[in-house]
N, C-alpha and C. Protein backbone atom coordinates (compact mmCIF):
# COMPACT_ATOMS: atom_id res chain seq x y z
N MET A 1 119.89 86.84 118.89
CA MET A 1 121.18 86.87 118.17
C MET A 1 122.30 87.06 119.17
N ASN A 2 123.32 86.31 119.01
CA ASN A 2 124.56 86.49 119.79
C ASN A 2 125.12 87.86 119.48
N LYS A 3 125.34 88.65 120.50
CA LYS A 3 125.80 90.04 120.34
C LYS A 3 127.20 90.11 119.71
N ASN A 4 127.95 89.01 119.78
CA ASN A 4 129.27 89.02 119.26
C ASN A 4 129.37 88.35 117.87
N ASN A 5 128.21 88.01 117.30
CA ASN A 5 128.22 87.35 115.98
C ASN A 5 127.19 87.98 115.11
N ASN A 6 127.60 88.87 114.27
CA ASN A 6 126.70 89.52 113.30
C ASN A 6 127.20 89.08 111.93
N PRO A 7 126.48 88.12 111.29
CA PRO A 7 126.99 87.57 110.03
C PRO A 7 127.19 88.63 108.96
N ASP A 8 126.43 89.72 109.01
CA ASP A 8 126.60 90.76 108.02
C ASP A 8 127.92 91.50 108.15
N LEU A 9 128.46 91.53 109.36
CA LEU A 9 129.74 92.24 109.61
C LEU A 9 130.94 91.33 109.71
N THR A 10 130.72 90.08 109.94
CA THR A 10 131.84 89.13 110.15
C THR A 10 132.81 89.14 109.01
N HIS A 11 132.30 89.05 107.77
CA HIS A 11 133.18 89.01 106.61
C HIS A 11 133.96 90.30 106.50
N ILE A 12 133.35 91.43 106.78
CA ILE A 12 134.07 92.72 106.74
C ILE A 12 135.12 92.74 107.80
N ALA A 13 134.80 92.34 108.99
CA ALA A 13 135.77 92.35 110.08
C ALA A 13 136.98 91.46 109.77
N GLN A 14 136.78 90.37 109.09
CA GLN A 14 137.88 89.49 108.78
C GLN A 14 138.87 90.10 107.79
N THR A 15 138.43 91.05 106.98
CA THR A 15 139.34 91.68 106.02
C THR A 15 140.05 92.90 106.61
N LEU A 16 139.51 93.49 107.63
CA LEU A 16 140.07 94.74 108.18
C LEU A 16 141.50 94.62 108.75
N PRO A 17 141.87 93.50 109.45
CA PRO A 17 143.24 93.48 109.93
C PRO A 17 144.33 93.64 108.86
N LYS A 18 143.96 93.27 107.62
CA LYS A 18 144.91 93.44 106.52
C LYS A 18 145.07 94.88 106.11
N ASN A 19 144.07 95.67 106.49
CA ASN A 19 144.04 97.11 106.08
C ASN A 19 144.16 98.07 107.27
N MET A 20 144.85 97.64 108.31
CA MET A 20 144.98 98.50 109.50
C MET A 20 145.68 99.77 109.14
N THR A 21 145.36 100.84 109.82
CA THR A 21 146.09 102.09 109.67
C THR A 21 147.46 101.92 110.28
N ASN A 22 148.35 102.86 109.98
CA ASN A 22 149.68 102.81 110.57
C ASN A 22 149.63 102.83 112.09
N GLU A 23 148.70 103.64 112.61
CA GLU A 23 148.60 103.82 114.04
C GLU A 23 148.03 102.55 114.69
N GLU A 24 147.02 101.95 114.07
CA GLU A 24 146.52 100.65 114.59
C GLU A 24 147.60 99.60 114.56
N ARG A 25 148.33 99.56 113.49
CA ARG A 25 149.40 98.56 113.29
C ARG A 25 150.48 98.75 114.40
N HIS A 26 150.85 100.01 114.62
CA HIS A 26 151.87 100.36 115.64
C HIS A 26 151.38 99.88 117.03
N LEU A 27 150.12 100.24 117.41
CA LEU A 27 149.64 99.84 118.70
C LEU A 27 149.56 98.33 118.84
N TRP A 28 149.10 97.68 117.78
CA TRP A 28 148.96 96.21 117.81
C TRP A 28 150.31 95.51 117.97
N TYR A 29 151.18 95.79 117.02
CA TYR A 29 152.45 95.03 116.95
C TYR A 29 153.46 95.45 118.03
N ASP A 30 153.38 96.71 118.43
CA ASP A 30 154.39 97.19 119.39
C ASP A 30 153.90 97.23 120.82
N PHE A 31 152.65 96.79 121.06
CA PHE A 31 152.16 96.78 122.45
C PHE A 31 151.08 95.71 122.70
N LEU A 32 149.94 95.88 122.11
CA LEU A 32 148.78 95.05 122.45
C LEU A 32 149.00 93.55 122.25
N LYS A 33 149.69 93.22 121.16
CA LYS A 33 149.84 91.79 120.81
C LYS A 33 150.67 91.05 121.89
N GLU A 34 151.53 91.72 122.56
CA GLU A 34 152.39 91.08 123.55
C GLU A 34 151.82 91.04 124.97
N LEU A 35 150.65 91.67 125.22
CA LEU A 35 150.07 91.67 126.55
C LEU A 35 149.68 90.25 126.94
N PRO A 36 149.71 89.94 128.24
CA PRO A 36 149.35 88.60 128.68
C PRO A 36 147.87 88.39 128.86
N VAL A 37 147.07 89.06 128.03
CA VAL A 37 145.64 88.88 127.95
C VAL A 37 145.25 88.81 126.49
N THR A 38 144.08 88.30 126.20
CA THR A 38 143.64 88.19 124.80
C THR A 38 143.06 89.55 124.37
N ILE A 39 143.60 90.06 123.33
CA ILE A 39 143.10 91.29 122.66
C ILE A 39 142.70 90.87 121.26
N GLN A 40 141.51 91.17 120.87
CA GLN A 40 141.00 90.84 119.51
C GLN A 40 141.04 92.09 118.64
N ARG A 41 141.42 91.90 117.41
CA ARG A 41 141.39 93.02 116.43
C ARG A 41 140.11 92.94 115.63
N GLN A 42 139.55 94.14 115.32
CA GLN A 42 138.38 94.19 114.47
C GLN A 42 137.30 93.24 114.93
N LYS A 43 136.88 93.38 116.15
CA LYS A 43 135.90 92.51 116.77
C LYS A 43 134.44 93.01 116.54
N VAL A 44 133.65 92.10 116.06
CA VAL A 44 132.22 92.44 115.83
C VAL A 44 131.51 92.37 117.18
N ILE A 45 130.87 93.44 117.53
CA ILE A 45 130.03 93.50 118.73
C ILE A 45 128.68 94.10 118.26
N ASP A 46 127.71 93.21 118.13
CA ASP A 46 126.38 93.58 117.65
C ASP A 46 126.47 94.22 116.28
N LYS A 47 126.14 95.49 116.18
CA LYS A 47 126.10 96.16 114.90
C LYS A 47 127.37 96.98 114.59
N TYR A 48 128.37 96.81 115.44
CA TYR A 48 129.62 97.54 115.27
C TYR A 48 130.85 96.64 115.13
N ILE A 49 131.88 97.20 114.51
CA ILE A 49 133.20 96.55 114.48
C ILE A 49 134.11 97.48 115.24
N VAL A 50 134.72 96.98 116.34
CA VAL A 50 135.63 97.82 117.11
C VAL A 50 137.03 97.51 116.73
N ASP A 51 137.91 98.49 116.87
CA ASP A 51 139.31 98.29 116.51
C ASP A 51 139.97 97.20 117.32
N PHE A 52 139.87 97.29 118.66
CA PHE A 52 140.46 96.30 119.55
C PHE A 52 139.54 96.02 120.68
N TYR A 53 139.51 94.78 121.15
CA TYR A 53 138.60 94.38 122.25
C TYR A 53 139.30 93.43 123.20
N CYS A 54 139.21 93.78 124.48
CA CYS A 54 139.76 92.95 125.57
C CYS A 54 138.58 92.51 126.41
N ALA A 55 138.11 91.26 126.23
CA ALA A 55 136.92 90.78 126.94
C ALA A 55 137.15 90.73 128.47
N SER A 56 138.34 90.32 128.87
CA SER A 56 138.59 90.17 130.30
C SER A 56 138.51 91.51 131.07
N ALA A 57 138.81 92.62 130.38
CA ALA A 57 138.74 93.92 130.98
C ALA A 57 137.49 94.69 130.55
N LYS A 58 136.68 94.07 129.69
CA LYS A 58 135.50 94.75 129.12
C LYS A 58 135.88 96.09 128.52
N LEU A 59 136.91 96.05 127.72
CA LEU A 59 137.52 97.25 127.15
C LEU A 59 137.53 97.22 125.62
N VAL A 60 137.08 98.33 125.08
CA VAL A 60 137.09 98.59 123.63
C VAL A 60 138.13 99.72 123.46
N ILE A 61 139.05 99.51 122.49
CA ILE A 61 140.01 100.56 122.16
C ILE A 61 139.78 100.98 120.74
N GLU A 62 139.58 102.26 120.54
CA GLU A 62 139.37 102.84 119.20
C GLU A 62 140.47 103.81 118.90
N ILE A 63 140.99 103.70 117.66
CA ILE A 63 142.02 104.66 117.21
C ILE A 63 141.31 105.58 116.21
N ASP A 64 141.32 106.87 116.50
CA ASP A 64 140.57 107.83 115.71
C ASP A 64 141.44 108.68 114.80
N GLY A 65 141.15 108.57 113.51
CA GLY A 65 141.77 109.43 112.53
C GLY A 65 141.05 110.77 112.47
N SER A 66 141.46 111.64 111.58
CA SER A 66 140.90 112.98 111.52
C SER A 66 139.42 113.00 111.20
N GLN A 67 138.92 111.99 110.49
CA GLN A 67 137.49 111.94 110.16
C GLN A 67 136.61 111.85 111.42
N HIS A 68 137.18 111.42 112.51
CA HIS A 68 136.42 111.31 113.78
C HIS A 68 136.15 112.62 114.45
N TYR A 69 136.64 113.70 113.87
CA TYR A 69 136.45 114.98 114.46
C TYR A 69 135.46 115.86 113.62
N GLU A 70 134.88 115.26 112.62
CA GLU A 70 133.83 115.91 111.83
C GLU A 70 132.53 115.73 112.59
N LYS A 71 131.61 116.74 112.51
CA LYS A 71 130.40 116.74 113.30
C LYS A 71 129.61 115.47 113.24
N GLU A 72 129.34 114.98 112.07
CA GLU A 72 128.52 113.77 111.91
C GLU A 72 129.18 112.55 112.53
N THR A 73 130.50 112.47 112.39
CA THR A 73 131.25 111.32 112.94
C THR A 73 131.31 111.39 114.45
N VAL A 74 131.44 112.63 114.99
CA VAL A 74 131.46 112.81 116.46
C VAL A 74 130.12 112.29 117.03
N GLU A 75 129.05 112.63 116.38
CA GLU A 75 127.72 112.23 116.83
C GLU A 75 127.55 110.68 116.72
N ALA A 76 128.01 110.13 115.62
CA ALA A 76 127.92 108.68 115.43
C ALA A 76 128.80 107.94 116.46
N ASP A 77 129.98 108.48 116.73
CA ASP A 77 130.86 107.87 117.73
C ASP A 77 130.21 107.89 119.13
N ALA A 78 129.53 109.05 119.43
CA ALA A 78 128.87 109.18 120.75
C ALA A 78 127.78 108.14 120.87
N THR A 79 127.01 107.94 119.81
CA THR A 79 125.96 106.91 119.78
C THR A 79 126.52 105.55 119.95
N ARG A 80 127.59 105.28 119.24
CA ARG A 80 128.26 103.98 119.33
C ARG A 80 128.81 103.74 120.74
N ASP A 81 129.46 104.73 121.31
CA ASP A 81 130.04 104.61 122.65
C ASP A 81 128.95 104.36 123.69
N THR A 82 127.84 105.03 123.58
CA THR A 82 126.71 104.82 124.49
C THR A 82 126.18 103.39 124.37
N PHE A 83 126.05 102.95 123.16
CA PHE A 83 125.57 101.55 122.90
C PHE A 83 126.54 100.55 123.59
N LEU A 84 127.83 100.71 123.34
CA LEU A 84 128.81 99.81 123.93
C LEU A 84 128.86 99.93 125.46
N ASN A 85 128.75 101.15 125.96
CA ASN A 85 128.70 101.35 127.41
C ASN A 85 127.52 100.62 128.03
N ASN A 86 126.40 100.64 127.36
CA ASN A 86 125.20 99.97 127.82
C ASN A 86 125.35 98.45 127.83
N LEU A 87 126.31 97.94 127.11
CA LEU A 87 126.68 96.51 127.18
C LEU A 87 127.65 96.22 128.32
N GLY A 88 128.03 97.25 129.06
CA GLY A 88 128.97 97.12 130.16
C GLY A 88 130.42 97.26 129.74
N LEU A 89 130.66 97.82 128.56
CA LEU A 89 132.02 97.96 128.03
C LEU A 89 132.50 99.42 128.22
N VAL A 90 133.80 99.56 128.45
CA VAL A 90 134.44 100.86 128.51
C VAL A 90 135.08 101.08 127.17
N VAL A 91 134.87 102.30 126.61
CA VAL A 91 135.47 102.63 125.32
C VAL A 91 136.56 103.66 125.59
N LYS A 92 137.75 103.34 125.17
CA LYS A 92 138.86 104.27 125.27
C LYS A 92 139.25 104.65 123.83
N ARG A 93 139.22 105.97 123.56
CA ARG A 93 139.57 106.48 122.24
C ARG A 93 140.87 107.23 122.28
N TYR A 94 141.70 106.99 121.28
CA TYR A 94 142.96 107.65 121.19
C TYR A 94 143.08 108.20 119.74
N ALA A 95 143.49 109.44 119.67
CA ALA A 95 143.68 110.06 118.34
C ALA A 95 144.99 109.53 117.72
N ASN A 96 145.00 109.54 116.40
CA ASN A 96 146.23 109.14 115.68
C ASN A 96 147.47 109.88 116.23
N ASN A 97 147.30 111.21 116.47
CA ASN A 97 148.48 111.99 116.91
C ASN A 97 148.93 111.56 118.30
N GLU A 98 148.04 110.98 119.13
CA GLU A 98 148.48 110.42 120.45
C GLU A 98 149.31 109.21 120.21
N ILE A 99 148.90 108.37 119.28
CA ILE A 99 149.69 107.17 118.98
C ILE A 99 151.06 107.56 118.45
N ASN A 100 151.08 108.53 117.59
CA ASN A 100 152.34 108.95 116.89
C ASN A 100 153.26 109.75 117.81
N ASN A 101 152.67 110.57 118.72
CA ASN A 101 153.50 111.50 119.48
C ASN A 101 153.59 111.19 120.99
N ASP A 102 152.76 110.34 121.49
CA ASP A 102 152.75 110.06 122.91
C ASP A 102 152.42 108.58 123.17
N PHE A 103 153.09 107.72 122.42
CA PHE A 103 152.81 106.30 122.42
C PHE A 103 152.94 105.67 123.81
N GLU A 104 153.96 106.05 124.55
CA GLU A 104 154.20 105.47 125.87
C GLU A 104 153.03 105.81 126.84
N SER A 105 152.48 106.98 126.74
CA SER A 105 151.40 107.38 127.62
C SER A 105 150.11 106.60 127.26
N VAL A 106 149.89 106.41 125.95
CA VAL A 106 148.73 105.60 125.50
C VAL A 106 148.88 104.21 126.02
N CYS A 107 150.04 103.59 125.87
CA CYS A 107 150.26 102.23 126.33
C CYS A 107 150.09 102.15 127.86
N ALA A 108 150.61 103.13 128.60
CA ALA A 108 150.48 103.11 130.05
C ALA A 108 149.02 103.22 130.48
N ASP A 109 148.25 104.05 129.79
CA ASP A 109 146.82 104.20 130.11
C ASP A 109 146.08 102.91 129.87
N ILE A 110 146.35 102.26 128.77
CA ILE A 110 145.67 100.95 128.48
C ILE A 110 146.11 99.91 129.51
N TYR A 111 147.41 99.81 129.76
CA TYR A 111 147.95 98.84 130.67
C TYR A 111 147.33 99.00 132.08
N HIS A 112 147.27 100.23 132.58
CA HIS A 112 146.74 100.48 133.88
C HIS A 112 145.25 100.22 133.97
N PHE A 113 144.56 100.33 132.87
CA PHE A 113 143.13 99.98 132.86
C PHE A 113 142.95 98.47 132.94
N ILE A 114 143.71 97.75 132.16
CA ILE A 114 143.61 96.28 132.14
C ILE A 114 144.17 95.68 133.43
N PHE A 115 145.22 96.22 133.96
CA PHE A 115 145.89 95.70 135.16
C PHE A 115 145.90 96.83 136.26
N PRO A 116 144.76 97.13 136.84
CA PRO A 116 144.70 98.26 137.78
C PRO A 116 145.50 98.08 139.03
N ASN A 117 145.83 96.87 139.39
CA ASN A 117 146.51 96.62 140.65
C ASN A 117 148.05 96.51 140.50
N GLU A 118 148.51 96.68 139.25
CA GLU A 118 149.95 96.60 139.03
C GLU A 118 150.52 98.05 138.95
N LYS A 119 151.78 98.16 139.30
CA LYS A 119 152.44 99.48 139.24
C LYS A 119 153.27 99.60 138.03
């Protein structure tokens, strides 16, 4: 099976951009969409749907709401991150409050990861 094509998740992933959180929408429309690289929203990677994916940088960006700090979700996220790391991907997680209160730092962190040689 192609790791980027899971028919069970494809339909779900196609509906998610219409239901982005405010923080996902802010990051997408006010930063990621304008970058000179391809960033995909709600990308299916094997058995997961990631918030944002940049293939050229092998980067997954996840925006975490408060539910991501509950014990079960923390464990599930760790399993998910390990799985994605084993595919050679880096997972960067940002809390909603980071997007809302420190947006420039989040954008700078992402930018410097994607373009490490630029100042």
